[in-house]
Amino acid sequence: MSAHAHPTVKTFFAVWITLLILTAVTVGVATLDLGPFNAVVALAIATTKALLVLLFFMELRYSSAMTKMVVVAALFFLCLLVGLTLSDYMTRGWSSYVNPFR
Protein backbone atom coordinates (compact mmCIF):
# COMPACT_ATOMS: atom_id res chain seq x y z
CA MET A 1 0.00 0.00 0.00
CA SER A 2 1.49 3.33 -1.02
CA ALA A 3 1.51 6.39 1.19
CA HIS A 4 -0.80 9.22 0.24
CA ALA A 5 0.72 12.57 -0.59
CA HIS A 6 -0.15 15.41 1.74
CA PRO A 7 0.65 19.10 1.61
CA THR A 8 3.60 20.30 3.63
CA VAL A 9 3.54 22.94 6.33
CA LYS A 10 5.24 25.29 3.87
CA THR A 11 2.37 24.75 1.40
CA PHE A 12 -0.24 25.42 4.09
CA PHE A 13 1.57 28.59 5.10
CA ALA A 14 1.84 29.80 1.48
CA VAL A 15 -1.87 29.15 0.88
CA TRP A 16 -2.76 30.91 4.14
CA ILE A 17 -0.71 33.98 3.16
CA THR A 18 -2.34 33.94 -0.28
CA LEU A 19 -5.79 33.83 1.34
CA LEU A 20 -4.88 36.80 3.55
CA ILE A 21 -3.64 38.75 0.52
CA LEU A 22 -6.81 37.94 -1.42
CA THR A 23 -8.90 39.08 1.56
CA ALA A 24 -7.03 42.39 1.56
CA VAL A 25 -7.58 42.66 -2.21
CA THR A 26 -11.29 42.04 -1.65
CA VAL A 27 -11.45 44.87 0.88
CA GLY A 28 -9.49 47.15 -1.46
CA VAL A 29 -11.68 46.37 -4.45
CA ALA A 30 -14.81 46.99 -2.37
CA THR A 31 -13.73 50.62 -1.95
CA LEU A 32 -13.40 51.11 -5.72
CA ASP A 33 -16.30 52.02 -7.97
CA LEU A 34 -16.13 49.50 -10.79
CA GLY A 35 -19.75 49.94 -11.82
CA PRO A 36 -21.39 46.68 -12.82
CA PHE A 37 -18.08 44.83 -12.41
CA ASN A 38 -17.99 45.13 -8.60
CA ALA A 39 -19.91 41.89 -8.17
CA VAL A 40 -17.94 40.14 -10.92
CA VAL A 41 -14.56 40.98 -9.35
CA ALA A 42 -15.76 40.14 -5.83
CA LEU A 43 -17.13 36.77 -6.98
CA ALA A 44 -13.95 35.98 -8.90
CA ILE A 45 -11.82 36.62 -5.82
CA ALA A 46 -14.22 34.62 -3.63
CA THR A 47 -14.15 31.71 -6.09
CA THR A 48 -10.36 31.75 -6.08
CA LYS A 49 -10.29 31.68 -2.28
CA ALA A 50 -12.84 28.85 -2.18
CA LEU A 51 -10.78 26.82 -4.66
CA LEU A 52 -7.65 27.28 -2.56
CA VAL A 53 -9.47 26.09 0.55
CA LEU A 54 -10.94 23.10 -1.31
CA LEU A 55 -7.69 22.07 -2.96
CA PHE A 56 -5.27 22.48 -0.07
CA PHE A 57 -6.99 22.74 3.33
CA MET A 58 -9.60 20.10 2.46
CA GLU A 59 -6.86 18.18 0.59
CA LEU A 60 -8.96 17.66 -2.53
CA ARG A 61 -5.83 17.97 -4.65
CA TYR A 62 -4.39 14.89 -2.95
CA SER A 63 -7.58 12.81 -2.80
CA SER A 64 -8.75 9.90 -4.92
CA ALA A 65 -10.31 10.17 -8.36
CA MET A 66 -13.71 9.15 -6.97
CA THR A 67 -13.72 12.05 -4.50
CA LYS A 68 -12.77 14.47 -7.25
CA MET A 69 -15.57 13.11 -9.44
CA VAL A 70 -18.11 13.61 -6.64
CA VAL A 71 -16.98 17.22 -6.18
CA VAL A 72 -17.20 17.90 -9.93
CA ALA A 73 -20.69 16.37 -10.03
CA ALA A 74 -21.78 18.51 -7.08
CA LEU A 75 -20.45 21.66 -8.76
CA PHE A 76 -22.18 20.67 -12.00
CA PHE A 77 -25.54 20.33 -10.25
CA LEU A 78 -25.00 23.60 -8.39
CA CYS A 79 -24.37 25.34 -11.72
CA LEU A 80 -27.42 23.63 -13.17
CA LEU A 81 -29.65 24.83 -10.32
CA VAL A 82 -28.29 28.37 -10.47
CA GLY A 83 -28.69 28.40 -14.27
CA LEU A 84 -32.29 27.22 -14.11
CA THR A 85 -33.09 29.75 -11.40
CA LEU A 86 -31.54 32.57 -13.44
CA SER A 87 -33.37 31.46 -16.59
CA ASP A 88 -36.64 31.77 -14.68
CA TYR A 89 -35.66 35.12 -13.19
CA MET A 90 -34.46 36.61 -16.49
CA THR A 91 -37.56 35.61 -18.47
CA ARG A 92 -40.15 37.21 -16.20
CA GLY A 93 -42.17 40.10 -17.53
CA TRP A 94 -40.86 42.86 -15.30
CA SER A 95 -42.49 45.63 -17.32
CA SER A 96 -45.96 44.38 -16.32
CA TYR A 97 -45.09 44.36 -12.61
CA VAL A 98 -47.39 46.53 -10.51
CA ASN A 99 -46.23 47.50 -7.05
CA PRO A 100 -49.20 46.95 -4.69
CA PHE A 101 -47.60 49.18 -2.03
CA ARG A 102 -47.70 52.40 -4.03
C-alpha atoms as a PDB file:
ATOM      1  CA  MET A   1       0.000   0.000   0.000  1.00  0.00           C
ATOM      2  CA  SER A   2       1.495   3.328  -1.024  1.00  0.00           C
ATOM      3  CA  ALA A   3       1.515   6.387   1.187  1.00  0.00           C
ATOM      4  CA  HIS A   4      -0.801   9.219   0.243  1.00  0.00           C
ATOM      5  CA  ALA A   5       0.720  12.567  -0.587  1.00  0.00           C
ATOM      6  CA  HIS A   6      -0.151  15.406   1.741  1.00  0.00           C
ATOM      7  CA  PRO A   7       0.648  19.103   1.612  1.00  0.00           C
ATOM      8  CA  THR A   8       3.600  20.297   3.635  1.00  0.00           C
ATOM      9  CA  VAL A   9       3.541  22.944   6.331  1.00  0.00           C
ATOM     10  CA  LYS A  10       5.245  25.291   3.866  1.00  0.00           C
ATOM     11  CA  THR A  11       2.370  24.753   1.397  1.00  0.00           C
ATOM     12  CA  PHE A  12      -0.237  25.424   4.092  1.00  0.00           C
ATOM     13  CA  PHE A  13       1.571  28.594   5.103  1.00  0.00           C
ATOM     14  CA  ALA A  14       1.838  29.800   1.483  1.00  0.00           C
ATOM     15  CA  VAL A  15      -1.868  29.155   0.880  1.00  0.00           C
ATOM     16  CA  TRP A  16      -2.763  30.913   4.137  1.00  0.00           C
ATOM     17  CA  ILE A  17      -0.710  33.981   3.164  1.00  0.00           C
ATOM     18  CA  THR A  18      -2.344  33.935  -0.277  1.00  0.00           C
ATOM     19  CA  LEU A  19      -5.794  33.834   1.343  1.00  0.00           C
ATOM     20  CA  LEU A  20      -4.876  36.805   3.548  1.00  0.00           C
ATOM     21  CA  ILE A  21      -3.641  38.748   0.518  1.00  0.00           C
ATOM     22  CA  LEU A  22      -6.812  37.935  -1.425  1.00  0.00           C
ATOM     23  CA  THR A  23      -8.904  39.077   1.560  1.00  0.00           C
ATOM     24  CA  ALA A  24      -7.026  42.393   1.558  1.00  0.00           C
ATOM     25  CA  VAL A  25      -7.580  42.657  -2.211  1.00  0.00           C
ATOM     26  CA  THR A  26     -11.294  42.043  -1.648  1.00  0.00           C
ATOM     27  CA  VAL A  27     -11.447  44.872   0.884  1.00  0.00           C
ATOM     28  CA  GLY A  28      -9.485  47.152  -1.456  1.00  0.00           C
ATOM     29  CA  VAL A  29     -11.679  46.370  -4.455  1.00  0.00           C
ATOM     30  CA  ALA A  30     -14.806  46.994  -2.366  1.00  0.00           C
ATOM     31  CA  THR A  31     -13.734  50.618  -1.950  1.00  0.00           C
ATOM     32  CA  LEU A  32     -13.403  51.115  -5.722  1.00  0.00           C
ATOM     33  CA  ASP A  33     -16.301  52.020  -7.973  1.00  0.00           C
ATOM     34  CA  LEU A  34     -16.134  49.502 -10.786  1.00  0.00           C
ATOM     35  CA  GLY A  35     -19.747  49.943 -11.820  1.00  0.00           C
ATOM     36  CA  PRO A  36     -21.385  46.678 -12.816  1.00  0.00           C
ATOM     37  CA  PHE A  37     -18.078  44.831 -12.414  1.00  0.00           C
ATOM     38  CA  ASN A  38     -17.991  45.131  -8.602  1.00  0.00           C
ATOM     39  CA  ALA A  39     -19.908  41.889  -8.172  1.00  0.00           C
ATOM     40  CA  VAL A  40     -17.935  40.138 -10.919  1.00  0.00           C
ATOM     41  CA  VAL A  41     -14.563  40.978  -9.346  1.00  0.00           C
ATOM     42  CA  ALA A  42     -15.758  40.140  -5.831  1.00  0.00           C
ATOM     43  CA  LEU A  43     -17.133  36.770  -6.979  1.00  0.00           C
ATOM     44  CA  ALA A  44     -13.950  35.984  -8.904  1.00  0.00           C
ATOM     45  CA  ILE A  45     -11.825  36.623  -5.817  1.00  0.00           C
ATOM     46  CA  ALA A  46     -14.223  34.617  -3.629  1.00  0.00           C
ATOM     47  CA  THR A  47     -14.150  31.714  -6.087  1.00  0.00           C
ATOM     48  CA  THR A  48     -10.355  31.748  -6.083  1.00  0.00           C
ATOM     49  CA  LYS A  49     -10.288  31.675  -2.284  1.00  0.00           C
ATOM     50  CA  ALA A  50     -12.843  28.848  -2.184  1.00  0.00           C
ATOM     51  CA  LEU A  51     -10.781  26.815  -4.656  1.00  0.00           C
ATOM     52  CA  LEU A  52      -7.653  27.283  -2.556  1.00  0.00           C
ATOM     53  CA  VAL A  53      -9.473  26.085   0.553  1.00  0.00           C
ATOM     54  CA  LEU A  54     -10.940  23.096  -1.308  1.00  0.00           C
ATOM     55  CA  LEU A  55      -7.689  22.073  -2.955  1.00  0.00           C
ATOM     56  CA  PHE A  56      -5.273  22.478  -0.065  1.00  0.00           C
ATOM     57  CA  PHE A  57      -6.995  22.739   3.332  1.00  0.00           C
ATOM     58  CA  MET A  58      -9.598  20.100   2.460  1.00  0.00           C
ATOM     59  CA  GLU A  59      -6.863  18.182   0.590  1.00  0.00           C
ATOM     60  CA  LEU A  60      -8.965  17.655  -2.527  1.00  0.00           C
ATOM     61  CA  ARG A  61      -5.829  17.966  -4.649  1.00  0.00           C
ATOM     62  CA  TYR A  62      -4.389  14.892  -2.951  1.00  0.00           C
ATOM     63  CA  SER A  63      -7.580  12.814  -2.804  1.00  0.00           C
ATOM     64  CA  SER A  64      -8.752   9.896  -4.918  1.00  0.00           C
ATOM     65  CA  ALA A  65     -10.314  10.172  -8.358  1.00  0.00           C
ATOM     66  CA  MET A  66     -13.710   9.154  -6.966  1.00  0.00           C
ATOM     67  CA  THR A  67     -13.724  12.054  -4.500  1.00  0.00           C
ATOM     68  CA  LYS A  68     -12.772  14.471  -7.252  1.00  0.00           C
ATOM     69  CA  MET A  69     -15.574  13.106  -9.441  1.00  0.00           C
ATOM     70  CA  VAL A  70     -18.115  13.611  -6.643  1.00  0.00           C
ATOM     71  CA  VAL A  71     -16.983  17.222  -6.175  1.00  0.00           C
ATOM     72  CA  VAL A  72     -17.196  17.897  -9.926  1.00  0.00           C
ATOM     73  CA  ALA A  73     -20.691  16.367 -10.033  1.00  0.00           C
ATOM     74  CA  ALA A  74     -21.779  18.507  -7.082  1.00  0.00           C
ATOM     75  CA  LEU A  75     -20.451  21.661  -8.762  1.00  0.00           C
ATOM     76  CA  PHE A  76     -22.183  20.675 -12.004  1.00  0.00           C
ATOM     77  CA  PHE A  77     -25.543  20.330 -10.249  1.00  0.00           C
ATOM     78  CA  LEU A  78     -24.998  23.602  -8.389  1.00  0.00           C
ATOM     79  CA  CYS A  79     -24.368  25.344 -11.722  1.00  0.00           C
ATOM     80  CA  LEU A  80     -27.421  23.635 -13.174  1.00  0.00           C
ATOM     81  CA  LEU A  81     -29.653  24.834 -10.322  1.00  0.00           C
ATOM     82  CA  VAL A  82     -28.295  28.375 -10.474  1.00  0.00           C
ATOM     83  CA  GLY A  83     -28.686  28.404 -14.271  1.00  0.00           C
ATOM     84  CA  LEU A  84     -32.290  27.220 -14.112  1.00  0.00           C
ATOM     85  CA  THR A  85     -33.092  29.752 -11.402  1.00  0.00           C
ATOM     86  CA  LEU A  86     -31.536  32.567 -13.436  1.00  0.00           C
ATOM     87  CA  SER A  87     -33.371  31.460 -16.586  1.00  0.00           C
ATOM     88  CA  ASP A  88     -36.642  31.766 -14.681  1.00  0.00           C
ATOM     89  CA  TYR A  89     -35.656  35.123 -13.191  1.00  0.00           C
ATOM     90  CA  MET A  90     -34.463  36.611 -16.487  1.00  0.00           C
ATOM     91  CA  THR A  91     -37.565  35.610 -18.472  1.00  0.00           C
ATOM     92  CA  ARG A  92     -40.151  37.209 -16.198  1.00  0.00           C
ATOM     93  CA  GLY A  93     -42.172  40.102 -17.529  1.00  0.00           C
ATOM     94  CA  TRP A  94     -40.861  42.859 -15.297  1.00  0.00           C
ATOM     95  CA  SER A  95     -42.494  45.633 -17.320  1.00  0.00           C
ATOM     96  CA  SER A  96     -45.959  44.378 -16.322  1.00  0.00           C
ATOM     97  CA  TYR A  97     -45.092  44.359 -12.609  1.00  0.00           C
ATOM     98  CA  VAL A  98     -47.387  46.531 -10.510  1.00  0.00           C
ATOM     99  CA  ASN A  99     -46.227  47.504  -7.052  1.00  0.00           C
ATOM    100  CA  PRO A 100     -49.204  46.950  -4.687  1.00  0.00           C
ATOM    101  CA  PHE A 101     -47.604  49.185  -2.035  1.00  0.00           C
ATOM    102  CA  ARG A 102     -47.702  52.403  -4.032  1.00  0.00           C
END
